[in-house]
Amino acid sequence: MRTATYFFIFLNLSLALFEEPAVYPLPFLATSVLEVLCLLVFLGRLTHFAKVTLHNVFWKDTKNICIMVAILLSLTDLAIYGVLKLYDVRSIRWSRIVRPIFLINFAESRQIRRAFRSIRNTLPEITYVFLLFMFSLLMFSLMALKLFGERNLQTAEGLPYFRNYLEIVFDLYVLVTTANSPDVMMPAFDFSSWYTLFFIAFVIVNTYIFMSLFLAVVYNNYKKHLKVMPGGACD
């Protein structure tokens, strides 16, 4: 039963690879039949669970309610999408975002729920580090605007360099990942090699300090919640 449940969950999630828009799209009839089959299996699994569970216990379990709501939303979206497709009206399958609910809420997915709940409990505790990082990014962006905004510098493509604050924030955010290094600093370096000190300070503070701190906080808090959470609490 567990293997069959996981198989149909995997099949249901995999449909997104073949539904429009997709690299290898399948006909709508094929994907819709597979999705209905998966939903029928989920409904049958839920019905079987209801038969072996006390009535009041079954309806008090939020996991069962979530699964039923997800099935209803998926069928509603599938019907609406099919009708609109018959009339050549372009629409979007918005119910795809509810498909991971089946992976999390079935009784067989106890360990997945445990990991998911640990992640959820960790998020509030890393908010402070994230806010400090964003404050540092915004302050460095403001300094970059003051340093380079009035120099009339241009990029290699001839575009204005560091004159729009939001674009500066985005460029420096990418620089945290070093994906645009050293290209982002070359116009400033060509103007004066001393300006590289600004980028060196930015990388040290945000890439090496804040990212390491962020990773440490995430790891420690996740491990703490994973240890203190009893197995029965995940049900």
Protein backbone atom coordinates (compact mmCIF):
# COMPACT_ATOMS: atom_id res chain seq x y z
CA MET A 1 0.00 0.00 0.00
CA ARG A 2 2.83 2.41 0.86
CA THR A 3 4.69 1.64 -2.38
CA ALA A 4 1.55 2.18 -4.44
CA THR A 5 0.82 5.47 -2.68
CA TYR A 6 4.32 6.78 -3.31
CA PHE A 7 4.18 5.66 -6.94
CA PHE A 8 0.99 7.58 -7.68
CA ILE A 9 2.24 10.62 -5.76
CA PHE A 10 5.38 10.57 -7.90
CA LEU A 11 3.28 10.15 -11.04
CA ASN A 12 1.02 13.04 -10.05
CA LEU A 13 3.98 15.35 -9.43
CA SER A 14 5.65 14.26 -12.67
CA LEU A 15 2.67 15.37 -14.75
CA ALA A 16 3.95 18.95 -14.56
CA LEU A 17 6.79 17.91 -16.87
CA PHE A 18 4.38 16.96 -19.64
CA GLU A 19 1.56 19.48 -19.23
CA GLU A 20 1.58 22.70 -21.22
CA PRO A 21 3.87 24.55 -21.16
CA ALA A 22 6.41 21.71 -21.30
CA VAL A 23 9.45 20.67 -23.29
CA TYR A 24 7.81 17.35 -24.16
CA PRO A 25 4.07 18.08 -23.96
CA LEU A 26 1.59 15.24 -24.00
CA PRO A 27 -2.01 15.58 -25.22
CA PHE A 28 -4.35 17.03 -22.64
CA LEU A 29 -6.47 13.89 -22.68
CA ALA A 30 -3.49 11.73 -21.69
CA THR A 31 -2.37 13.93 -18.81
CA SER A 32 -5.94 14.46 -17.58
CA VAL A 33 -6.65 10.70 -17.54
CA LEU A 34 -3.46 10.07 -15.57
CA GLU A 35 -4.31 12.84 -13.13
CA VAL A 36 -7.84 11.55 -12.58
CA LEU A 37 -6.39 8.07 -12.01
CA CYS A 38 -4.01 9.46 -9.39
CA LEU A 39 -6.81 11.37 -7.67
CA LEU A 40 -8.99 8.25 -7.60
CA VAL A 41 -6.17 6.31 -5.97
CA PHE A 42 -5.73 9.08 -3.39
CA LEU A 43 -9.46 9.10 -2.72
CA GLY A 44 -9.48 5.32 -2.39
CA ARG A 45 -6.55 5.43 0.02
CA LEU A 46 -8.34 8.07 2.07
CA THR A 47 -11.55 6.03 2.07
CA HIS A 48 -9.66 2.95 3.21
CA PHE A 49 -8.09 4.98 6.00
CA ALA A 50 -11.54 6.24 7.05
CA LYS A 51 -12.84 2.66 7.27
CA VAL A 52 -10.17 1.61 9.78
CA THR A 53 -10.25 4.84 11.84
CA LEU A 54 -12.78 6.11 14.32
CA HIS A 55 -15.15 8.61 12.74
CA ASN A 56 -14.37 11.49 15.11
CA VAL A 57 -10.62 10.82 14.89
CA PHE A 58 -10.67 10.83 11.09
CA TRP A 59 -12.45 14.18 10.80
CA LYS A 60 -10.28 15.84 13.45
CA ASP A 61 -7.09 14.99 11.54
CA THR A 62 -6.10 18.03 9.48
CA LYS A 63 -4.07 15.83 7.12
CA ASN A 64 -7.23 14.14 5.88
CA ILE A 65 -8.98 17.49 5.42
CA CYS A 66 -6.02 18.82 3.44
CA ILE A 67 -6.04 15.78 1.15
CA MET A 68 -9.77 16.08 0.49
CA VAL A 69 -9.49 19.80 -0.24
CA ALA A 70 -6.54 19.14 -2.58
CA ILE A 71 -8.51 16.48 -4.46
CA LEU A 72 -11.52 18.79 -4.80
CA LEU A 73 -9.38 21.71 -6.01
CA SER A 74 -7.54 19.53 -8.52
CA LEU A 75 -10.76 18.13 -9.99
CA THR A 76 -12.33 21.60 -10.16
CA ASP A 77 -9.30 23.06 -11.90
CA LEU A 78 -9.11 20.11 -14.29
CA ALA A 79 -12.78 20.51 -15.26
CA ILE A 80 -12.48 24.28 -15.75
CA TYR A 81 -9.30 23.92 -17.79
CA GLY A 82 -10.87 21.23 -19.97
CA VAL A 83 -13.96 23.32 -20.70
CA LEU A 84 -11.89 26.39 -21.54
CA LYS A 85 -9.64 24.32 -23.79
CA LEU A 86 -12.66 23.13 -25.75
CA TYR A 87 -13.46 26.78 -26.53
CA ASP A 88 -9.80 27.60 -27.30
CA VAL A 89 -9.53 29.89 -24.29
CA ARG A 90 -6.05 30.11 -22.86
CA SER A 91 -5.87 29.32 -19.14
CA ILE A 92 -3.42 28.15 -16.47
CA ARG A 93 -3.46 25.00 -14.35
CA TRP A 94 -3.32 26.75 -10.97
CA SER A 95 -3.93 23.51 -9.02
CA ARG A 96 -0.36 22.32 -9.62
CA ILE A 97 0.73 24.14 -6.50
CA VAL A 98 -1.47 21.89 -4.33
CA ARG A 99 0.06 18.63 -5.57
CA PRO A 100 2.87 18.56 -2.95
CA ILE A 101 0.08 18.39 -0.33
CA PHE A 102 -0.36 14.72 -1.21
CA LEU A 103 3.32 14.06 -0.58
CA ILE A 104 3.24 15.69 2.85
CA ASN A 105 -0.12 14.71 4.30
CA PHE A 106 -0.51 10.99 3.67
CA ALA A 107 0.10 8.80 6.71
CA GLU A 108 3.04 7.09 4.98
CA SER A 109 4.96 10.40 4.77
CA ARG A 110 5.74 10.74 8.46
CA GLN A 111 9.46 11.49 7.94
CA ILE A 112 8.71 14.01 5.20
CA ARG A 113 6.27 15.81 7.52
CA ARG A 114 8.90 15.78 10.22
CA ALA A 115 11.46 17.43 7.95
CA PHE A 116 8.85 19.89 6.63
CA ARG A 117 7.78 20.86 10.13
CA SER A 118 11.39 21.35 11.19
CA ILE A 119 11.92 23.69 8.25
CA ARG A 120 8.75 25.60 9.12
CA ASN A 121 9.85 26.00 12.75
CA THR A 122 13.31 27.11 11.66
CA LEU A 123 12.12 29.94 9.39
CA PRO A 124 11.12 32.43 12.14
CA GLU A 125 14.48 32.02 13.87
CA ILE A 126 16.54 32.82 10.76
CA THR A 127 14.49 35.91 9.96
CA TYR A 128 16.74 38.15 12.06
CA VAL A 129 19.88 37.07 10.23
CA PHE A 130 18.13 37.52 6.91
CA LEU A 131 17.00 41.03 7.86
CA LEU A 132 20.57 41.94 8.89
CA PHE A 133 21.82 40.65 5.56
CA MET A 134 19.22 42.67 3.66
CA PHE A 135 20.10 45.78 5.68
CA SER A 136 23.77 45.31 4.80
CA LEU A 137 22.89 44.81 1.14
CA LEU A 138 20.75 47.96 1.06
CA MET A 139 23.44 50.03 2.79
CA PHE A 140 26.17 48.87 0.41
CA SER A 141 23.83 49.59 -2.51
CA LEU A 142 23.31 53.12 -1.20
CA MET A 143 27.07 53.62 -0.88
CA ALA A 144 27.55 52.31 -4.43
CA LEU A 145 24.97 54.79 -5.70
CA LYS A 146 26.83 57.66 -4.01
CA LEU A 147 30.25 56.44 -5.16
CA PHE A 148 29.51 55.64 -8.80
CA GLY A 149 26.19 57.27 -9.63
CA GLU A 150 27.68 60.68 -10.45
CA ARG A 151 30.75 59.39 -12.30
CA ASN A 152 28.85 58.83 -15.57
CA LEU A 153 30.37 55.37 -15.89
CA GLN A 154 29.14 52.83 -18.43
CA THR A 155 29.16 49.07 -18.67
CA ALA A 156 30.83 47.16 -21.50
CA GLU A 157 27.47 47.22 -23.32
CA GLY A 158 27.30 51.02 -23.08
CA LEU A 159 24.58 51.07 -20.42
CA PRO A 160 24.56 53.39 -17.39
CA TYR A 161 26.57 51.95 -14.51
CA PHE A 162 25.17 52.00 -10.98
CA ARG A 163 22.77 54.91 -11.44
CA ASN A 164 19.50 53.16 -10.50
CA TYR A 165 19.18 52.10 -6.88
CA LEU A 166 17.04 49.00 -7.48
CA GLU A 167 19.36 47.79 -10.23
CA ILE A 168 22.31 48.27 -7.88
CA VAL A 169 20.57 46.18 -5.22
CA PHE A 170 20.01 43.40 -7.74
CA ASP A 171 23.59 43.51 -9.08
CA LEU A 172 25.08 43.40 -5.59
CA TYR A 173 22.69 40.62 -4.60
CA VAL A 174 24.00 38.60 -7.55
CA LEU A 175 27.55 39.51 -6.49
CA VAL A 176 26.91 37.74 -3.16
CA THR A 177 26.83 34.53 -5.21
CA THR A 178 29.93 35.73 -7.17
CA ALA A 179 28.02 34.90 -10.39
CA ASN A 180 28.77 38.32 -11.92
CA SER A 181 32.27 38.71 -10.49
CA PRO A 182 34.46 40.43 -11.64
CA ASP A 183 32.34 41.84 -14.48
CA VAL A 184 30.21 43.98 -12.18
CA MET A 185 33.25 45.82 -10.80
CA MET A 186 35.21 46.34 -14.03
CA PRO A 187 33.75 49.78 -14.97
CA ALA A 188 34.68 51.08 -11.51
CA PHE A 189 38.11 49.44 -11.71
CA ASP A 190 38.78 51.04 -15.10
CA PHE A 191 37.96 54.44 -13.60
CA SER A 192 40.12 53.93 -10.50
CA SER A 193 41.68 50.77 -9.10
CA TRP A 194 40.96 52.04 -5.57
CA TYR A 195 37.26 51.39 -6.07
CA THR A 196 37.96 47.66 -5.87
CA LEU A 197 38.25 48.14 -2.10
CA PHE A 198 34.50 48.73 -2.01
CA PHE A 199 33.76 45.43 -3.74
CA ILE A 200 36.33 43.56 -1.65
CA ALA A 201 34.69 44.86 1.53
CA PHE A 202 31.25 43.93 0.19
CA VAL A 203 32.29 40.36 -0.64
CA ILE A 204 34.00 39.87 2.74
CA VAL A 205 31.03 41.16 4.74
CA ASN A 206 28.16 39.64 2.77
CA THR A 207 29.55 36.55 1.05
CA TYR A 208 32.02 35.26 3.61
CA ILE A 209 30.54 36.52 6.89
CA PHE A 210 26.78 36.79 6.40
CA MET A 211 26.40 33.71 4.21
CA SER A 212 28.45 31.60 6.63
CA LEU A 213 26.44 32.96 9.54
CA PHE A 214 23.19 32.35 7.71
CA LEU A 215 24.15 28.76 6.93
CA ALA A 216 25.22 28.12 10.53
CA VAL A 217 21.94 29.49 11.93
CA VAL A 218 19.86 27.44 9.49
CA TYR A 219 21.77 24.24 10.20
CA ASN A 220 21.82 24.60 13.99
CA ASN A 221 18.16 25.50 14.31
CA TYR A 222 17.03 22.80 11.90
CA LYS A 223 19.06 20.19 13.78
CA LYS A 224 17.65 21.42 17.10
CA HIS A 225 14.04 21.15 15.94
CA LEU A 226 14.69 17.77 14.36
CA LYS A 227 16.07 16.41 17.63
CA VAL A 228 13.49 17.80 20.04
CA MET A 229 10.49 16.86 17.89
CA PRO A 230 9.06 13.51 19.04
CA GLY A 231 8.01 11.00 16.40
CA GLY A 232 4.38 11.08 17.46
CA ALA A 233 4.17 14.88 17.15
CA CYS A 234 4.63 14.65 13.40
CA ASP A 235 1.36 12.79 12.89
